[in-house]
Amino acid sequence: MFGTMVAFIKRDFFIALSYRTRFLAQIGGVFLSTLLFFFMSRLVDGGISGHLAGYGGDYFAFVLIGVSFTDYLFVSVNSFADEIRQGQMLGTLEALLCSALSPVMILFCSSLYNFLFTTFRVVLYLLIGTLIFGMQIHLAHLGAFAVIMVLTIMSFWGIGLLSAALVVVFKQPSPLGWLMGPLAGLLGGVVYPIDVLPHWLQDMARLLPVTWSLDAMRLLLLNGMGWNNVLPHMVVLFVFSLVLQGTGMVCFRYALQVARKDGSLLHY
């Protein structure tokens, strides 16, 4: 199994490397985005400092963590769906799904490179933020951070499976890809704390795993808080991961079953 995962990663890495300009542009985009957040923070720091008190009071650090780690959500929602859509368009979907691996495992393996590259981008964001712009982060509780990351990615993978199921059934790009970005931006606490929202929107925000994930990451990295402070976040994210993974797997397998039954699996 490990060899198969490495093979998928190597395949996707060499494909990405063949488009060198795009590859380098993605790296440069991290620096330019960080520079944008830095200058934006100089504009808004004074206006929302009270809302940032629980996160160290630094808007630049707040938004950099929010934007960089939200990439995992976009990768989850889009990678699975893109793999299915590409297979439909190229006519390779049936051959891919007839391999020895289960369809769900194929999607996981196909997304591994994207997750590794996203991790590289996140590390690059944090390095640029700390080394060039003086952002302060705490690394005392990396174990708690790792647990939060695993639960976050598992939750996001569940959303990705739902997205892939929609592509199998409707033969169109998944609407979840269009929906999750604006939802995360509006309610997920990506660029501002959710306590600036009306109370009824705060309640809706807590129904998104990204809200709990970003809040926990900021408490760990910006405030230096430990396991006890983020334990409620871990419990909520664990529930999210169980529900979303279970629902996603059931929906994806059902979508494949329906497509095979009505003969539309190869349609695009």
Protein backbone atom coordinates (compact mmCIF):
# COMPACT_ATOMS: atom_id res chain seq x y z
CA MET A 1 0.00 0.00 0.00
CA PHE A 2 2.82 2.43 0.88
CA GLY A 3 4.44 1.76 -2.50
CA THR A 4 1.19 2.59 -4.25
CA MET A 5 0.88 5.88 -2.36
CA VAL A 6 4.45 6.82 -3.28
CA ALA A 7 3.77 5.96 -6.94
CA PHE A 8 0.77 8.32 -7.01
CA ILE A 9 2.82 11.08 -5.37
CA LYS A 10 5.68 10.65 -7.88
CA ARG A 11 3.25 10.68 -10.79
CA ASP A 12 1.62 13.92 -9.70
CA PHE A 13 4.93 15.54 -8.76
CA PHE A 14 6.44 14.96 -12.21
CA ILE A 15 3.26 16.19 -13.87
CA ALA A 16 3.40 19.37 -11.78
CA LEU A 17 7.12 19.79 -12.42
CA SER A 18 6.57 19.58 -16.17
CA TYR A 19 4.71 22.89 -15.91
CA ARG A 20 7.67 24.77 -14.42
CA THR A 21 6.30 28.27 -14.87
CA ARG A 22 3.11 27.38 -13.03
CA PHE A 23 5.10 25.58 -10.33
CA LEU A 24 7.33 28.60 -9.72
CA ALA A 25 4.37 30.98 -9.92
CA GLN A 26 2.69 29.12 -7.07
CA ILE A 27 5.79 29.59 -4.94
CA GLY A 28 5.99 33.26 -5.81
CA GLY A 29 2.30 33.64 -5.09
CA VAL A 30 2.90 32.62 -1.48
CA PHE A 31 5.34 35.51 -1.00
CA LEU A 32 3.08 38.03 -2.74
CA SER A 33 0.05 36.91 -0.72
CA THR A 34 2.02 37.22 2.52
CA LEU A 35 3.12 40.72 1.53
CA LEU A 36 -0.52 41.62 0.80
CA PHE A 37 -1.66 40.38 4.23
CA PHE A 38 1.14 42.34 5.91
CA PHE A 39 0.15 45.65 4.35
CA MET A 40 -3.55 44.93 4.92
CA SER A 41 -2.83 44.28 8.60
CA ARG A 42 -1.34 47.78 8.93
CA LEU A 43 -4.69 49.16 7.80
CA VAL A 44 -7.01 47.16 10.05
CA ASP A 45 -5.00 46.31 13.19
CA GLY A 46 -6.28 49.23 15.20
CA GLY A 47 -9.91 48.75 14.24
CA ILE A 48 -10.44 45.16 15.40
CA SER A 49 -7.75 44.82 18.07
CA GLY A 50 -10.38 44.03 20.73
CA HIS A 51 -11.64 41.05 18.74
CA LEU A 52 -8.06 39.80 18.29
CA ALA A 53 -7.15 39.88 21.97
CA GLY A 54 -7.79 36.16 22.32
CA TYR A 55 -5.37 35.45 19.45
CA GLY A 56 -2.39 37.55 20.45
CA GLY A 57 -3.71 40.82 19.00
CA ASP A 58 -1.77 40.55 15.72
CA TYR A 59 -4.02 40.72 12.67
CA PHE A 60 -1.21 39.77 10.27
CA ALA A 61 -0.60 36.49 12.12
CA PHE A 62 -4.35 35.90 12.42
CA VAL A 63 -5.08 36.23 8.70
CA LEU A 64 -1.90 34.44 7.56
CA ILE A 65 -2.83 31.33 9.53
CA GLY A 66 -6.44 31.55 8.38
CA VAL A 67 -5.67 31.83 4.68
CA SER A 68 -2.79 29.35 4.58
CA PHE A 69 -4.51 26.52 6.46
CA THR A 70 -7.79 27.00 4.60
CA ASP A 71 -5.91 25.70 1.55
CA TYR A 72 -6.45 22.21 2.97
CA LEU A 73 -10.20 22.69 2.63
CA PHE A 74 -9.94 23.76 -1.00
CA VAL A 75 -7.59 20.87 -1.83
CA SER A 76 -9.98 18.38 -0.23
CA VAL A 77 -13.07 19.70 -1.99
CA ASN A 78 -11.41 20.06 -5.39
CA SER A 79 -8.85 17.23 -5.64
CA PHE A 80 -11.30 14.33 -5.38
CA ALA A 81 -13.80 15.98 -7.69
CA ASP A 82 -11.12 16.95 -10.22
CA GLU A 83 -9.77 13.38 -10.33
CA ILE A 84 -13.24 12.04 -11.15
CA ARG A 85 -13.98 14.80 -13.68
CA GLN A 86 -10.65 14.31 -15.43
CA GLY A 87 -11.30 10.57 -15.67
CA GLN A 88 -14.72 11.27 -17.19
CA MET A 89 -13.34 13.69 -19.76
CA LEU A 90 -10.36 11.48 -20.76
CA GLY A 91 -12.31 8.23 -20.71
CA THR A 92 -10.00 6.68 -18.09
CA LEU A 93 -12.45 6.60 -15.19
CA GLU A 94 -13.65 3.02 -15.67
CA ALA A 95 -10.09 1.68 -15.99
CA LEU A 96 -9.08 3.61 -12.88
CA LEU A 97 -12.01 2.29 -10.87
CA CYS A 98 -11.39 -1.30 -12.02
CA SER A 99 -7.91 -1.41 -10.49
CA ALA A 100 -7.07 -3.50 -7.43
CA LEU A 101 -7.49 -0.46 -5.16
CA SER A 102 -10.90 0.57 -3.89
CA PRO A 103 -12.34 3.75 -5.50
CA VAL A 104 -12.07 5.64 -2.20
CA MET A 105 -8.41 4.66 -1.81
CA ILE A 106 -7.71 5.76 -5.38
CA LEU A 107 -9.07 9.21 -4.57
CA PHE A 108 -7.02 9.40 -1.39
CA CYS A 109 -3.82 8.37 -3.19
CA SER A 110 -4.53 10.78 -6.04
CA SER A 111 -4.81 13.67 -3.59
CA LEU A 112 -1.64 12.93 -1.62
CA TYR A 113 0.65 15.08 -3.75
CA ASN A 114 -1.74 18.02 -3.51
CA PHE A 115 -1.83 17.69 0.27
CA LEU A 116 1.95 17.45 0.48
CA PHE A 117 2.37 20.51 -1.73
CA THR A 118 -0.22 22.38 0.33
CA THR A 119 1.75 21.48 3.45
CA PHE A 120 4.86 22.88 1.77
CA ARG A 121 2.98 26.09 0.97
CA VAL A 122 1.73 26.41 4.56
CA VAL A 123 5.26 25.96 5.93
CA LEU A 124 6.49 28.54 3.43
CA TYR A 125 3.78 30.99 4.54
CA LEU A 126 4.84 30.59 8.17
CA LEU A 127 8.56 30.87 7.38
CA ILE A 128 8.08 34.06 5.37
CA GLY A 129 5.79 35.46 8.04
CA THR A 130 8.23 34.77 10.86
CA LEU A 131 11.61 35.35 9.20
CA ILE A 132 10.74 38.37 7.05
CA PHE A 133 7.75 40.04 8.71
CA GLY A 134 8.46 39.19 12.35
CA MET A 135 5.38 37.10 13.09
CA GLN A 136 5.58 35.35 16.47
CA ILE A 137 4.40 31.73 16.70
CA HIS A 138 4.57 29.18 19.53
CA LEU A 139 5.70 25.62 18.85
CA ALA A 140 5.48 24.23 22.38
CA HIS A 141 2.50 21.95 21.72
CA LEU A 142 3.22 20.34 18.37
CA GLY A 143 1.52 17.12 19.47
CA ALA A 144 -1.80 18.91 19.98
CA PHE A 145 -1.29 20.73 16.71
CA ALA A 146 -0.70 17.43 14.88
CA VAL A 147 -3.93 15.97 16.29
CA ILE A 148 -5.87 19.04 15.18
CA MET A 149 -4.34 18.78 11.71
CA VAL A 150 -5.22 15.09 11.32
CA LEU A 151 -8.82 15.63 12.46
CA THR A 152 -9.10 18.68 10.20
CA ILE A 153 -7.91 16.84 7.11
CA MET A 154 -10.17 13.87 7.86
CA SER A 155 -13.15 16.22 8.11
CA PHE A 156 -12.21 17.97 4.88
CA TRP A 157 -11.73 14.62 3.11
CA GLY A 158 -15.33 13.78 3.95
CA ILE A 159 -16.46 16.96 2.19
CA GLY A 160 -14.21 16.01 -0.73
CA LEU A 161 -15.92 12.62 -1.07
CA LEU A 162 -19.31 14.35 -1.16
CA SER A 163 -17.96 16.63 -3.87
CA ALA A 164 -16.71 13.65 -5.89
CA ALA A 165 -20.10 11.91 -5.55
CA LEU A 166 -21.81 14.93 -7.10
CA VAL A 167 -19.43 14.83 -10.07
CA VAL A 168 -20.12 11.11 -10.63
CA VAL A 169 -23.87 11.70 -10.69
CA PHE A 170 -24.20 15.03 -12.50
CA LYS A 171 -21.12 14.93 -14.80
CA GLN A 172 -20.39 18.57 -13.98
CA PRO A 173 -17.87 20.36 -11.74
CA SER A 174 -19.00 20.01 -8.14
CA PRO A 175 -21.06 22.90 -6.74
CA LEU A 176 -19.41 22.26 -3.37
CA GLY A 177 -16.25 23.74 -4.84
CA TRP A 178 -18.08 27.00 -5.47
CA LEU A 179 -19.97 26.91 -2.18
CA MET A 180 -17.28 26.06 0.37
CA GLY A 181 -14.96 28.93 -0.55
CA PRO A 182 -17.48 31.72 0.10
CA LEU A 183 -18.86 29.88 3.14
CA ALA A 184 -15.41 29.51 4.68
CA GLY A 185 -14.56 33.11 3.87
CA LEU A 186 -17.79 34.45 5.35
CA LEU A 187 -18.31 32.16 8.35
CA GLY A 188 -15.09 30.21 8.92
CA GLY A 189 -13.07 32.90 10.67
CA VAL A 190 -10.52 32.99 7.86
CA VAL A 191 -9.88 36.75 7.70
CA TYR A 192 -11.73 37.96 10.80
CA PRO A 193 -12.83 36.45 14.13
CA ILE A 194 -16.35 35.07 14.06
CA ASP A 195 -17.33 37.18 17.07
CA VAL A 196 -17.63 40.18 14.73
CA LEU A 197 -20.62 38.39 13.17
CA PRO A 198 -24.23 38.63 14.39
CA HIS A 199 -25.03 35.91 16.92
CA TRP A 200 -27.18 33.93 14.52
CA LEU A 201 -24.32 33.81 12.00
CA GLN A 202 -21.91 32.77 14.75
CA ASP A 203 -24.16 29.78 15.41
CA MET A 204 -24.03 28.89 11.71
CA ALA A 205 -20.25 29.32 11.68
CA ARG A 206 -19.90 26.67 14.37
CA LEU A 207 -21.50 24.17 12.00
CA LEU A 208 -18.37 24.30 9.81
CA PRO A 209 -15.28 22.24 10.72
CA VAL A 210 -12.99 24.97 9.37
CA THR A 211 -14.20 27.33 12.11
CA TRP A 212 -13.13 24.97 14.89
CA SER A 213 -9.91 24.04 13.13
CA LEU A 214 -8.66 27.60 12.59
CA ASP A 215 -9.63 28.63 16.11
CA ALA A 216 -7.64 25.73 17.60
CA MET A 217 -4.62 26.39 15.39
CA ARG A 218 -4.53 30.04 16.40
CA LEU A 219 -4.84 29.22 20.08
CA LEU A 220 -1.89 26.83 19.77
CA LEU A 221 0.36 28.83 17.45
CA LEU A 222 -0.43 32.42 18.46
CA ASN A 223 -1.30 32.10 22.15
CA GLY A 224 0.86 29.13 23.07
CA MET A 225 -2.09 27.37 24.69
CA GLY A 226 -2.00 23.62 25.28
CA TRP A 227 -4.03 20.43 25.16
CA ASN A 228 -6.63 21.46 27.72
CA ASN A 229 -7.50 24.63 25.81
CA VAL A 230 -8.11 22.87 22.49
CA LEU A 231 -9.62 19.63 23.81
CA PRO A 232 -13.20 20.81 23.02
CA HIS A 233 -12.06 21.59 19.48
CA MET A 234 -10.60 18.09 19.15
CA VAL A 235 -13.85 16.51 20.29
CA VAL A 236 -15.92 18.56 17.83
CA LEU A 237 -13.51 17.88 14.95
CA PHE A 238 -13.52 14.17 15.79
CA VAL A 239 -17.32 14.16 15.50
CA PHE A 240 -17.10 16.12 12.25
CA SER A 241 -14.56 13.64 10.85
CA LEU A 242 -16.71 10.61 11.73
CA VAL A 243 -19.90 12.10 10.33
CA LEU A 244 -18.39 13.63 7.19
CA GLN A 245 -16.13 10.66 6.38
CA GLY A 246 -18.97 8.20 6.89
CA THR A 247 -21.46 10.27 4.90
CA GLY A 248 -18.94 10.95 2.16
CA MET A 249 -18.01 7.29 1.70
CA VAL A 250 -21.62 6.16 1.64
CA CYS A 251 -22.62 8.86 -0.87
CA PHE A 252 -19.62 8.26 -3.13
CA ARG A 253 -20.15 4.50 -3.25
CA TYR A 254 -23.86 4.98 -3.84
CA ALA A 255 -23.12 7.44 -6.66
CA LEU A 256 -20.85 4.86 -8.32
CA GLN A 257 -23.51 2.20 -7.92
CA VAL A 258 -26.15 4.42 -9.52
CA ALA A 259 -23.84 5.42 -12.39
CA ARG A 260 -22.91 1.80 -13.10
CA LYS A 261 -26.53 0.70 -12.95
CA ASP A 262 -27.80 3.28 -15.45
CA GLY A 263 -24.68 2.99 -17.62
CA SER A 264 -23.63 6.62 -17.22
CA LEU A 265 -20.28 6.04 -15.55
CA LEU A 266 -18.39 6.77 -18.78
CA HIS A 267 -20.59 9.70 -19.78
CA TYR A 268 -19.20 13.20 -19.53
